Every structure is written in structure tokens, then in C-alpha cells.
Amino acid sequence: MRKLFICLLIGCFWLAVCSADAAKNTQKEKRFKASEPQQEVVEEEKTNNHKKISKKSMFGCGQDHPIRVAGFVTNAPFGWVNIIPAKGMKPEQYVNGGFSYDLFEQIVTDAGLKIQNVGYTSYQEAMRDLRRGKIDVVAGGYFDNRMLGAGVNLMFPSYFTNPIIPIFLNGKEKEVRSWDDLKGLKGVVRQEENIYSLIFNQLPKEIEIKQVSGSKKAFTMLLKGEADYILTSLYAGESEVRRFKLTGEVYFSPKALVSAELFFVFSSHSDCPAIKKKLEPILRKLKENDDAYRKTFIGYIDEWGLRFQNAKGLKQELYEEEQKIAVSTENVDQESNTIASDSPDPESDLPDQAENEKTESASNAPTETNGVMPSGDSAQPTQPTQTTSSGDSAQPTQSAQPDVQNKSNESAQKQPQAAATSNDKTSVKKSPESKEAPKEEKPNRPLTAAERIRNL
């Protein structure tokens, strides 16, 4: 019985080991792949909006404890942060995605080590925590002392060479061979790409480049003419052009002004730099197969564009925003016009003596026959506002001249529609206030472009 029990324990242990190996192999097959397209991503970097990491010092990096890794926040295809919505008692989470993090995860997995995905909403905060030892690695950084600071070290070799170029709108491009060719032009650069500090000392004094947060803001400025060019990574620019559906709208300068190297950055305040010797040969081996390496990288550019394939293009968004503003302005104008037309006409409140004088002049008109005007006048349409004003001025005429009223009634029985029209036109013709302002009523709908131009 005892032997049977021991054999049973050994069998259970062996089954658990086999299951773990199978799960590990399955998990490895899923490494180094782009994130799911339906996941929401962080659009602009934010501070103080992530889970705080303790500075607890531990030994056995990747074995006794996982390697805590952060990355780029909004810098596709190199890195982005996916948002996992809160569910039940579980709060909202931030998860790294993109080429840089997935590459480092693949290297760590191939080395048989453990890794922890630590998503931030601010790259600067991730670097700050790296310098303090609260995380172990940031998967992506340039050899730039202004950004890196003290307390960090790089893993060699670099994992990617990133060319920096200006991009223009088609038809407004300019040949750029050096920084001097950008003099007199308005430029923007995205803060999240972290390239401004790399080029700051190289810029001539006449060149001013504005830093903005978010790719949507940068490309909106380019489309609206607020900027002549965007200084960006060739690959980041390609990713965002696909996202905003501007492939046929943007010109990419063929000459790189800077080619910057990207590295994995380690904290000096943990035991993880010791594993670099184990990771570096794996990275070198992956880079040896250049075709496969670049094909994998381009897959992240494609994935970034595909995850926004059902979203509106940026030009469409801007057009719809302008239309909403235009319709809102027209509605306000129509409301003010309606209020003005409903206000009482000061000229309509005439004294009785003035009304009697107008009535006498109307009754002595020799061109009327039985209260009906010539057919040429009656054929013209009468606006509702004119009919109302003519009705007000016709009331004293009826009380002062009953013969004219009787003739008008007889004519109205024979030709009801023509008589009604001619009476209105008679009143309009004889009424001085109608002569003074015969305005058409504005249609109760948004004006067309032609109507807006005509009303200017």
C-alpha cells in the first residue's frame, strides 16, 4: 500500500512537470507578437496615474523575482500601453505592448528567466522609478544623458537604429539635406518620441521647433497649416500616417537628419544588470537574421494601422468638427433673425389720421379695376410677412371705404385666388412701410453654401 501511494505521488509530480513544460512551450509561441487590435491604448502621456512600485531590494533577478519592465507609452511601433478596463473589484490596468517590450520579453524567455509587465502612463515617470530602483528595465531609450540621468546603464548592442526625418504635406514638401534647409519653416516634434533632446544642440539658432503631446495634435497642426513639417522617426511617422489614413497626403523626406540607436536601459539599483551577459548573446543572434528581424518589426507597423482600420480618418474628423461648428453658428444666426422679425414694427403703429390719409389715397388710385391689380402684379408670389403687414394696413381701409370693400368681395367670389393675391399686392404697393423693407423670410433650415455667400 505504501509503495502504491509513493508511485501515485511520483506519477502526479511527473504529470505536473509535463503540463508545465507544455504550457511554457505554448506561451513561448505567443511571444514577440503584437497586441490585440481591439484593446484601447493610452493616447497622451499622463503623470501620477499608475500603480506605484515598491523599492524592495531583491536578489536573483529573473529567478527569485521577475524582471520588472516598463517601456514606451505612446510611441508606436516601438511601444505603447494598452488599457485593460476595471472589472469587478479589479482596478484599471496598464500593459506594455509594441516591438521593444515584446522583443525584450522574447530574450528573457529564451534565457529561461521570469518577467513582469509594468505599464506606466508617463515615460518620464518610468525613467524616474528606474533611477530609484523601483523597476528594473525600461525597454527603449536613446544614449542621451539628459533623458537617462544617473543610476542607469545600457545593454549593448542596441536593438534598433531609428532614422529621424521631417515629413510634409504633399505639394508643400521641401528638399532637406541638412538642418539649414528647415530655416524659416514652422516645425513640431512629439514629446513622447524623446528625440528633441537628441537634436537640440545640432539645431541652428534660426530654427524653432515646437514640442507637442500626442500624434493627433501634431498631425492636426500639419493639416491646418499651423506647422510646415513634423520632425519624427521614419517608422513612428509611418505608423501614425496609417492610423490617421493620411497615406496619400504626406511626403516623407528621403534623407535622415539623425540616426539614433535604441537600447534596453537597466537600473543600477538592482541586481538585474548582472543578467545582461546572459541576454546580450541572444539579442545578437536575433539581429543576425536581418530579414526576419525587420519583417517582424514591420509587422508592428501594420498591426498599429489595422487596429484603427474602422476608425475615421483624421481629415474626416476635422471636417465633421468644422461642420458642427458651422451648423451651430447658423442656428444661432437664425434664432437671432427670428427674434428680430417677431418684434413689433414701429412704423405699423401709425396714428389714425395717417391711416385715413393712406386709405383716401388708395381709394383714388385710377389703375385698379374692381379692386384687382393687373395680371402682371398678381402673378408675383407674396411672402407671409408681407401678407401680415398688408392685413394690418388694410383694416382701416375697409372701415373708411365700404365701396372698395364690396367691390373686392365681389371680385374675390369670382376669382378667389387671384383676388386674394391682388389685394395683398395692392396693400404692399400702397403701403410705404412695405416699400421700404420688402424682405424675404429666411428658410427654417440650415442655409446652403450658396445662400451663406449670398447673404454676406
Protein backbone atom coordinates (compact mmCIF):
# COMPACT_ATOMS: atom_id res chain seq x y z
CA MET A 1 0.00 0.00 0.00
CA ARG A 2 2.83 2.32 0.87
CA LYS A 3 4.59 1.59 -2.43
CA LEU A 4 1.35 2.26 -4.30
CA PHE A 5 0.98 5.62 -2.56
CA ILE A 6 4.58 6.57 -3.42
CA CYS A 7 4.07 5.58 -7.06
CA LEU A 8 0.92 7.66 -7.19
CA LEU A 9 2.77 10.72 -5.86
CA ILE A 10 5.56 10.25 -8.39
CA GLY A 11 3.02 9.96 -11.19
CA CYS A 12 1.24 13.17 -10.12
CA PHE A 13 4.54 15.01 -9.92
CA TRP A 14 5.59 13.83 -13.39
CA LEU A 15 2.21 14.87 -14.83
CA ALA A 16 2.55 18.35 -13.31
CA VAL A 17 6.05 18.78 -14.77
CA CYS A 18 4.89 17.73 -18.24
CA SER A 19 1.92 20.13 -18.07
CA ALA A 20 4.17 22.99 -17.03
CA ASP A 21 6.57 22.31 -19.91
CA ALA A 22 3.70 22.18 -22.36
CA ALA A 23 2.28 25.45 -21.04
CA LYS A 24 5.72 27.02 -21.21
CA ASN A 25 6.18 25.95 -24.83
CA THR A 26 2.71 27.24 -25.72
CA GLN A 27 3.45 30.52 -24.00
CA LYS A 28 6.76 30.88 -25.86
CA GLU A 29 4.99 30.50 -29.17
CA LYS A 30 2.86 33.55 -28.35
CA ARG A 31 5.85 35.76 -27.56
CA PHE A 32 7.07 38.65 -29.68
CA LYS A 33 3.66 39.30 -31.17
CA ALA A 34 1.58 42.46 -31.44
CA SER A 35 -1.28 43.17 -29.05
CA GLU A 36 -4.91 42.57 -29.85
CA PRO A 37 -6.35 45.31 -32.12
CA GLN A 38 -9.49 45.84 -30.04
CA GLN A 39 -7.59 46.95 -26.93
CA GLU A 40 -7.73 50.63 -26.02
CA VAL A 41 -4.39 52.42 -25.85
CA VAL A 42 -3.04 55.43 -23.97
CA GLU A 43 -3.33 58.43 -26.33
CA GLU A 44 -1.30 61.01 -24.41
CA GLU A 45 1.11 60.59 -21.55
CA LYS A 46 -0.19 61.35 -18.06
CA THR A 47 1.55 61.65 -14.72
CA ASN A 48 0.66 60.09 -11.36
CA ASN A 49 -1.80 57.67 -12.91
CA HIS A 50 -0.19 54.26 -12.48
CA LYS A 51 0.28 51.67 -9.79
CA LYS A 52 3.17 52.58 -7.52
CA ILE A 53 6.02 50.05 -7.38
CA SER A 54 7.81 49.44 -4.09
CA LYS A 55 11.58 49.80 -3.87
CA LYS A 56 12.06 46.49 -2.12
CA SER A 57 15.52 45.15 -2.92
CA MET A 58 15.61 41.50 -4.01
CA PHE A 59 18.30 39.16 -5.28
CA GLY A 60 18.11 36.56 -8.02
CA CYS A 61 16.85 38.77 -10.86
CA GLY A 62 14.63 36.77 -13.19
CA GLN A 63 14.74 33.70 -10.95
CA ASP A 64 13.79 34.50 -7.36
CA HIS A 65 11.83 37.50 -8.58
CA PRO A 66 10.68 38.56 -12.08
CA ILE A 67 12.36 41.37 -14.01
CA ARG A 68 10.08 44.42 -13.67
CA VAL A 69 9.92 46.02 -17.12
CA ALA A 70 8.34 49.27 -18.41
CA GLY A 71 8.51 50.77 -21.90
CA PHE A 72 7.37 53.49 -24.27
CA VAL A 73 3.86 54.78 -23.61
CA THR A 74 2.71 56.35 -26.92
CA ASN A 75 5.48 55.71 -29.43
CA ALA A 76 4.25 53.11 -31.91
CA PRO A 77 5.61 50.83 -33.34
CA PHE A 78 8.34 50.76 -30.68
CA GLY A 79 5.97 50.82 -27.75
CA TRP A 80 2.52 51.69 -26.47
CA VAL A 81 0.42 50.97 -23.40
CA ASN A 82 -2.85 49.04 -23.61
CA ILE A 83 -5.62 49.85 -21.16
CA ILE A 84 -7.47 46.95 -19.54
CA PRO A 85 -10.75 48.31 -18.12
CA ALA A 86 -11.69 47.76 -14.48
CA LYS A 87 -13.70 44.61 -13.85
CA GLY A 88 -15.45 43.96 -10.56
CA MET A 89 -13.06 44.69 -7.72
CA LYS A 90 -10.08 44.67 -10.08
CA PRO A 91 -8.94 48.23 -10.97
CA GLU A 92 -7.97 49.52 -14.41
CA GLN A 93 -4.62 48.18 -15.57
CA TYR A 94 -1.92 49.38 -17.95
CA VAL A 95 0.01 46.81 -20.01
CA ASN A 96 3.05 47.38 -22.24
CA GLY A 97 2.83 46.46 -25.92
CA GLY A 98 4.82 47.06 -29.07
CA PHE A 99 8.05 45.88 -30.65
CA SER A 100 10.52 46.91 -27.92
CA TYR A 101 8.77 45.28 -24.98
CA ASP A 102 7.88 42.11 -26.90
CA LEU A 103 11.48 41.77 -28.11
CA PHE A 104 12.87 42.05 -24.58
CA GLU A 105 10.26 39.59 -23.31
CA GLN A 106 11.35 37.12 -26.00
CA ILE A 107 15.01 37.46 -25.00
CA VAL A 108 14.22 36.99 -21.31
CA THR A 109 12.05 33.96 -22.05
CA ASP A 110 14.74 32.38 -24.23
CA ALA A 111 17.15 32.86 -21.32
CA GLY A 112 14.77 30.94 -19.03
CA LEU A 113 14.03 33.95 -16.81
CA LYS A 114 10.80 35.49 -15.50
CA ILE A 115 9.45 38.89 -16.43
CA GLN A 116 6.78 41.25 -15.05
CA ASN A 117 4.92 43.71 -17.31
CA VAL A 118 4.73 47.09 -15.53
CA GLY A 119 2.75 49.62 -17.57
CA TYR A 120 3.09 53.36 -16.99
CA THR A 121 1.18 56.30 -18.40
CA SER A 122 4.26 58.53 -18.46
CA TYR A 123 7.67 57.65 -19.86
CA GLN A 124 9.33 60.25 -17.62
CA GLU A 125 7.83 58.63 -14.53
CA ALA A 126 9.04 55.22 -15.68
CA MET A 127 12.58 56.59 -16.04
CA ARG A 128 12.35 58.23 -12.62
CA ASP A 129 11.34 54.95 -10.98
CA LEU A 130 14.10 53.17 -12.92
CA ARG A 131 16.69 55.53 -11.44
CA ARG A 132 15.28 54.85 -7.97
CA GLY A 133 15.31 51.08 -8.40
CA LYS A 134 11.52 50.66 -8.26
CA ILE A 135 11.62 48.91 -11.64
CA ASP A 136 14.48 47.02 -13.27
CA VAL A 137 14.36 47.78 -17.01
CA VAL A 138 12.87 50.29 -19.44
CA ALA A 139 12.53 48.64 -22.86
CA GLY A 140 13.64 51.54 -25.00
CA GLY A 141 15.87 54.56 -24.59
CA TYR A 142 18.41 56.63 -26.53
CA PHE A 143 22.01 57.21 -25.49
CA ASP A 144 21.04 60.62 -24.12
CA ASN A 145 22.32 61.78 -20.75
CA ARG A 146 19.61 64.44 -20.45
CA MET A 147 16.93 61.76 -20.55
CA LEU A 148 18.74 58.89 -18.85
CA GLY A 149 20.35 60.70 -15.94
CA ALA A 150 22.31 58.91 -13.22
CA GLY A 151 21.62 55.48 -11.77
CA VAL A 152 21.09 53.63 -15.07
CA ASN A 153 23.19 51.67 -17.58
CA LEU A 154 22.63 50.37 -21.08
CA MET A 155 22.64 46.88 -22.52
CA PHE A 156 24.77 46.53 -25.67
CA PRO A 157 24.34 46.18 -28.56
CA SER A 158 21.46 48.49 -29.45
CA TYR A 159 18.38 46.70 -30.65
CA PHE A 160 17.37 49.16 -33.41
CA THR A 161 18.63 52.11 -35.49
CA ASN A 162 15.97 54.79 -35.80
CA PRO A 163 16.28 57.43 -38.60
CA ILE A 164 14.81 60.88 -37.81
CA ILE A 165 13.31 62.80 -40.76
CA PRO A 166 10.94 65.71 -41.48
CA ILE A 167 7.58 64.93 -43.12
CA PHE A 168 5.49 67.45 -45.09
CA LEU A 169 2.09 67.62 -46.71
CA ASN A 170 2.13 66.56 -50.35
CA GLY A 171 2.55 69.60 -52.57
CA LYS A 172 4.23 71.58 -49.77
CA GLU A 173 7.36 69.45 -49.41
CA LYS A 174 10.86 70.84 -49.49
CA GLU A 175 14.17 69.17 -50.26
CA VAL A 176 16.00 68.80 -46.95
CA ARG A 177 19.64 67.77 -46.86
CA SER A 178 20.64 69.48 -43.59
CA TRP A 179 19.14 71.42 -40.70
CA ASP A 180 19.78 74.68 -42.58
CA ASP A 181 17.11 73.72 -45.14
CA LEU A 182 14.47 73.98 -42.39
CA LYS A 183 15.18 77.64 -41.63
CA GLY A 184 12.11 79.86 -41.84
CA LEU A 185 9.71 76.91 -41.51
CA LYS A 186 7.43 76.06 -38.60
CA GLY A 187 8.13 72.62 -37.16
CA VAL A 188 6.68 70.40 -34.45
CA VAL A 189 8.05 67.34 -32.68
CA ARG A 190 6.19 64.91 -30.45
CA GLN A 191 7.31 64.85 -26.82
CA GLU A 192 6.67 61.13 -26.47
CA GLU A 193 9.26 60.25 -29.13
CA ASN A 194 12.02 61.67 -26.87
CA ILE A 195 14.10 62.90 -29.80
CA TYR A 196 14.12 66.65 -29.14
CA SER A 197 16.90 66.49 -26.56
CA LEU A 198 18.96 64.42 -29.04
CA ILE A 199 18.90 67.13 -31.71
CA PHE A 200 18.70 70.28 -29.58
CA ASN A 201 22.42 71.06 -29.76
CA GLN A 202 22.53 70.45 -33.52
CA LEU A 203 19.79 72.94 -34.41
CA PRO A 204 20.82 76.33 -35.89
CA LYS A 205 19.64 79.32 -33.88
CA GLU A 206 17.18 80.31 -36.62
CA ILE A 207 15.24 77.06 -36.26
CA GLU A 208 12.50 76.80 -33.69
CA ILE A 209 10.64 73.51 -33.24
CA LYS A 210 7.58 73.34 -31.01
CA GLN A 211 7.07 70.29 -28.79
CA VAL A 212 3.51 68.92 -28.61
CA SER A 213 1.94 65.98 -26.80
CA GLY A 214 0.12 63.38 -28.85
CA SER A 215 0.35 62.37 -32.51
CA LYS A 216 -3.19 63.60 -33.24
CA LYS A 217 -2.27 67.12 -32.16
CA ALA A 218 0.89 67.11 -34.30
CA PHE A 219 -0.85 65.90 -37.47
CA THR A 220 -3.79 68.26 -36.89
CA MET A 221 -1.37 71.18 -36.84
CA LEU A 222 0.19 69.91 -40.07
CA LEU A 223 -3.19 69.59 -41.82
CA LYS A 224 -4.37 73.02 -40.67
CA GLY A 225 -1.19 74.76 -41.77
CA GLU A 226 -0.13 75.59 -38.22
CA ALA A 227 3.07 73.63 -38.89
CA ASP A 228 5.06 73.16 -42.09
CA TYR A 229 6.58 69.83 -41.07
CA ILE A 230 6.75 67.23 -38.32
CA LEU A 231 10.15 66.01 -37.17
CA THR A 232 9.68 62.33 -36.38
CA SER A 233 11.06 58.83 -36.60
CA LEU A 234 10.59 57.34 -40.06
CA TYR A 235 8.82 54.33 -38.55
CA ALA A 236 6.75 56.24 -36.00
CA GLY A 237 5.66 58.62 -38.76
CA GLU A 238 4.65 55.71 -40.99
CA SER A 239 2.65 54.13 -38.16
CA GLU A 240 0.69 57.30 -37.39
CA VAL A 241 0.08 58.11 -41.07
CA ARG A 242 -1.54 54.70 -41.45
CA ARG A 243 -3.55 55.18 -38.29
CA PHE A 244 -4.96 58.55 -39.41
CA LYS A 245 -5.45 57.37 -43.03
CA LEU A 246 -3.15 60.02 -44.48
CA THR A 247 -1.06 57.75 -46.69
CA GLY A 248 -1.65 59.82 -49.82
CA GLU A 249 -1.41 63.16 -48.01
CA VAL A 250 2.08 63.08 -46.52
CA TYR A 251 5.56 63.35 -48.05
CA PHE A 252 8.46 61.60 -46.27
CA SER A 253 11.84 63.27 -46.69
CA PRO A 254 14.27 60.66 -48.12
CA LYS A 255 17.30 61.84 -46.13
CA ALA A 256 17.66 61.19 -42.39
CA LEU A 257 18.97 64.14 -40.40
CA VAL A 258 19.84 61.91 -37.42
CA SER A 259 20.10 58.11 -36.97
CA ALA A 260 19.65 57.33 -33.29
CA GLU A 261 20.29 53.97 -31.59
CA LEU A 262 17.72 52.45 -29.23
CA PHE A 263 18.86 50.43 -26.18
CA PHE A 264 17.41 48.45 -23.29
CA VAL A 265 18.04 50.53 -20.14
CA PHE A 266 18.78 48.83 -16.78
CA SER A 267 18.59 50.26 -13.29
CA SER A 268 21.89 50.39 -11.35
CA HIS A 269 19.99 49.96 -8.07
CA SER A 270 19.00 46.31 -8.55
CA ASP A 271 20.76 43.03 -9.20
CA CYS A 272 19.39 42.82 -12.78
CA PRO A 273 22.42 44.34 -14.61
CA ALA A 274 24.21 41.08 -13.81
CA ILE A 275 21.97 39.18 -16.26
CA LYS A 276 22.98 41.37 -19.23
CA LYS A 277 25.81 38.97 -20.01
CA LYS A 278 23.22 36.24 -20.42
CA LEU A 279 20.84 38.33 -22.55
CA GLU A 280 23.31 40.05 -24.91
CA PRO A 281 24.25 36.90 -26.93
CA ILE A 282 20.56 36.13 -27.50
CA LEU A 283 19.93 39.65 -28.85
CA ARG A 284 22.95 39.44 -31.16
CA LYS A 285 21.74 36.12 -32.54
CA LEU A 286 18.26 37.52 -33.25
CA LYS A 287 19.75 40.51 -35.10
CA GLU A 288 21.95 38.29 -37.27
CA ASN A 289 18.90 37.24 -39.29
CA ASP A 290 18.25 40.76 -40.54
CA ASP A 291 15.41 39.86 -42.92
CA ALA A 292 13.35 38.07 -40.28
CA TYR A 293 14.15 40.75 -37.71
CA ARG A 294 12.92 43.61 -39.92
CA LYS A 295 9.93 41.62 -41.12
CA THR A 296 8.84 41.17 -37.51
CA PHE A 297 9.35 44.89 -36.88
CA ILE A 298 7.29 45.92 -39.93
CA GLY A 299 4.54 43.64 -38.65
CA TYR A 300 4.11 46.02 -35.71
CA ILE A 301 3.66 48.97 -38.08
CA ASP A 302 0.99 47.01 -39.95
CA GLU A 303 -0.71 46.00 -36.71
CA TRP A 304 -0.87 49.59 -35.47
CA GLY A 305 -2.59 50.69 -38.66
CA LEU A 306 -5.01 47.73 -38.67
CA ARG A 307 -6.19 48.27 -35.13
CA PHE A 308 -7.63 51.63 -36.26
CA GLN A 309 -9.00 50.40 -39.59
CA ASN A 310 -12.62 51.01 -38.51
CA ALA A 311 -11.90 54.48 -37.09
CA LYS A 312 -12.47 57.67 -39.06
CA GLY A 313 -9.55 59.30 -40.79
CA LEU A 314 -8.16 62.47 -39.27
CA LYS A 315 -9.25 64.64 -42.22
CA GLN A 316 -12.81 63.30 -41.87
CA GLU A 317 -12.79 64.05 -38.13
CA LEU A 318 -11.62 67.61 -38.69
CA TYR A 319 -14.19 68.15 -41.46
CA GLU A 320 -17.06 66.93 -39.26
CA GLU A 321 -15.91 69.17 -36.40
CA GLU A 322 -15.91 72.18 -38.74
CA GLN A 323 -19.40 71.29 -39.99
CA LYS A 324 -20.74 71.07 -36.43
CA ILE A 325 -19.32 74.50 -35.65
CA ALA A 326 -20.78 75.94 -38.88
CA VAL A 327 -24.26 74.47 -38.22
CA SER A 328 -24.17 75.72 -34.64
CA THR A 329 -23.27 79.23 -35.83
CA GLU A 330 -26.05 79.19 -38.44
CA ASN A 331 -28.61 78.10 -35.85
CA VAL A 332 -27.59 80.97 -33.59
CA ASP A 333 -27.92 83.41 -36.52
CA GLN A 334 -31.35 82.04 -37.43
CA GLU A 335 -32.56 82.34 -33.85
CA SER A 336 -31.46 85.97 -33.68
CA ASN A 337 -33.12 86.69 -37.06
CA THR A 338 -36.35 85.05 -35.91
CA ILE A 339 -36.43 87.11 -32.74
CA ALA A 340 -35.83 90.28 -34.74
CA SER A 341 -38.66 89.53 -37.21
CA ASP A 342 -41.13 88.84 -34.38
CA SER A 343 -40.52 92.23 -32.79
CA PRO A 344 -43.24 94.85 -33.40
CA ASP A 345 -42.72 97.22 -36.33
CA PRO A 346 -42.66 100.78 -35.01
CA GLU A 347 -43.96 102.10 -38.36
CA SER A 348 -47.11 99.92 -38.10
CA ASP A 349 -48.33 101.82 -35.05
CA LEU A 350 -49.37 104.90 -37.03
CA PRO A 351 -51.89 107.48 -35.76
CA ASP A 352 -55.47 107.17 -37.05
CA GLN A 353 -55.07 110.35 -39.11
CA ALA A 354 -52.13 108.91 -41.06
CA GLU A 355 -54.09 105.70 -41.68
CA ASN A 356 -57.06 107.67 -43.02
CA GLU A 357 -54.77 109.60 -45.38
CA LYS A 358 -53.39 106.36 -46.77
CA THR A 359 -56.91 104.98 -47.17
CA GLU A 360 -58.05 108.01 -49.18
CA SER A 361 -55.02 107.80 -51.46
CA ALA A 362 -55.65 104.09 -52.02
CA SER A 363 -59.34 104.63 -52.93
CA ASN A 364 -58.45 107.32 -55.51
CA ALA A 365 -55.98 105.11 -57.41
CA PRO A 366 -57.15 105.11 -61.08
CA THR A 367 -55.22 101.96 -62.15
CA GLU A 368 -57.34 99.48 -60.16
CA THR A 369 -60.40 97.76 -61.62
CA ASN A 370 -62.85 96.27 -59.12
CA GLY A 371 -60.07 96.05 -56.55
CA VAL A 372 -57.94 93.80 -58.77
CA MET A 373 -54.44 94.76 -59.92
CA PRO A 374 -53.14 93.94 -63.41
CA SER A 375 -52.23 90.32 -64.00
CA GLY A 376 -48.52 91.12 -64.15
CA ASP A 377 -48.53 92.14 -60.49
CA SER A 378 -50.86 89.41 -59.29
CA ALA A 379 -48.58 86.73 -60.77
CA GLN A 380 -45.82 87.59 -58.33
CA PRO A 381 -45.74 85.46 -55.14
CA THR A 382 -46.46 87.14 -51.83
CA GLN A 383 -44.32 86.38 -48.80
CA PRO A 384 -46.07 85.55 -45.50
CA THR A 385 -44.51 88.53 -43.73
CA GLN A 386 -45.86 90.87 -46.44
CA THR A 387 -49.35 89.41 -46.16
CA THR A 388 -49.35 90.03 -42.42
CA SER A 389 -48.27 93.65 -42.78
CA SER A 390 -50.80 94.25 -45.58
CA GLY A 391 -53.57 92.82 -43.42
CA ASP A 392 -52.76 95.27 -40.66
CA SER A 393 -52.81 98.24 -43.03
CA ALA A 394 -55.99 97.05 -44.81
CA GLN A 395 -58.22 97.04 -41.73
CA PRO A 396 -58.71 100.86 -41.52
CA THR A 397 -59.25 100.93 -45.31
CA GLN A 398 -62.25 98.60 -45.01
CA SER A 399 -63.91 100.72 -42.32
CA ALA A 400 -63.31 104.01 -44.15
CA GLN A 401 -64.28 102.89 -47.72
CA PRO A 402 -67.11 100.28 -47.73
CA ASP A 403 -67.49 100.55 -51.54
CA VAL A 404 -63.96 99.40 -52.14
CA GLN A 405 -64.53 96.50 -49.73
CA ASN A 406 -67.73 95.42 -51.52
CA LYS A 407 -66.00 95.50 -54.89
CA SER A 408 -63.17 93.47 -53.51
CA ASN A 409 -65.60 90.89 -52.10
CA GLU A 410 -67.41 90.55 -55.45
CA SER A 411 -64.10 90.10 -57.23
CA ALA A 412 -62.98 87.58 -54.62
CA GLN A 413 -66.10 85.44 -55.25
CA LYS A 414 -65.32 85.27 -58.97
CA GLN A 415 -61.60 84.83 -58.69
CA PRO A 416 -60.81 83.85 -55.10
CA GLN A 417 -57.13 83.09 -55.53
CA ALA A 418 -56.34 85.99 -57.86
CA ALA A 419 -58.32 88.44 -55.69
CA ALA A 420 -56.50 87.39 -52.56
CA THR A 421 -53.19 87.82 -54.26
CA SER A 422 -54.11 91.15 -55.81
CA ASN A 423 -55.44 92.52 -52.50
CA ASP A 424 -52.17 91.63 -50.87
CA LYS A 425 -50.18 93.20 -53.68
CA THR A 426 -52.39 96.30 -53.63
CA SER A 427 -51.69 96.78 -49.95
CA VAL A 428 -48.00 96.15 -50.41
CA LYS A 429 -47.81 98.57 -53.30
CA LYS A 430 -49.63 101.34 -51.47
CA SER A 431 -48.03 100.74 -48.05
CA PRO A 432 -44.90 102.87 -47.59
CA GLU A 433 -43.52 100.65 -44.89
CA SER A 434 -43.75 97.60 -47.18
CA LYS A 435 -41.97 99.51 -49.95
CA GLU A 436 -39.23 100.42 -47.54
CA ALA A 437 -38.28 96.85 -46.46
CA PRO A 438 -39.71 94.03 -48.61
CA LYS A 439 -37.51 91.30 -47.03
CA GLU A 440 -37.78 87.62 -47.80
CA GLU A 441 -38.38 85.24 -44.95
CA LYS A 442 -35.32 83.05 -44.16
CA PRO A 443 -35.97 79.32 -44.65
CA ASN A 444 -36.47 77.29 -41.49
CA ARG A 445 -33.43 75.06 -42.21
CA PRO A 446 -29.60 75.30 -42.32
CA LEU A 447 -28.54 77.56 -45.19
CA THR A 448 -26.67 76.13 -48.13
CA ALA A 449 -23.16 77.33 -49.00
CA ALA A 450 -24.57 79.42 -51.87
CA GLU A 451 -27.16 81.04 -49.56
CA ARG A 452 -24.47 81.83 -46.95
CA ILE A 453 -22.30 83.52 -49.60
CA ARG A 454 -25.27 85.48 -50.99
CA ASN A 455 -26.23 86.73 -47.52
CA LEU A 456 -22.77 88.06 -46.72
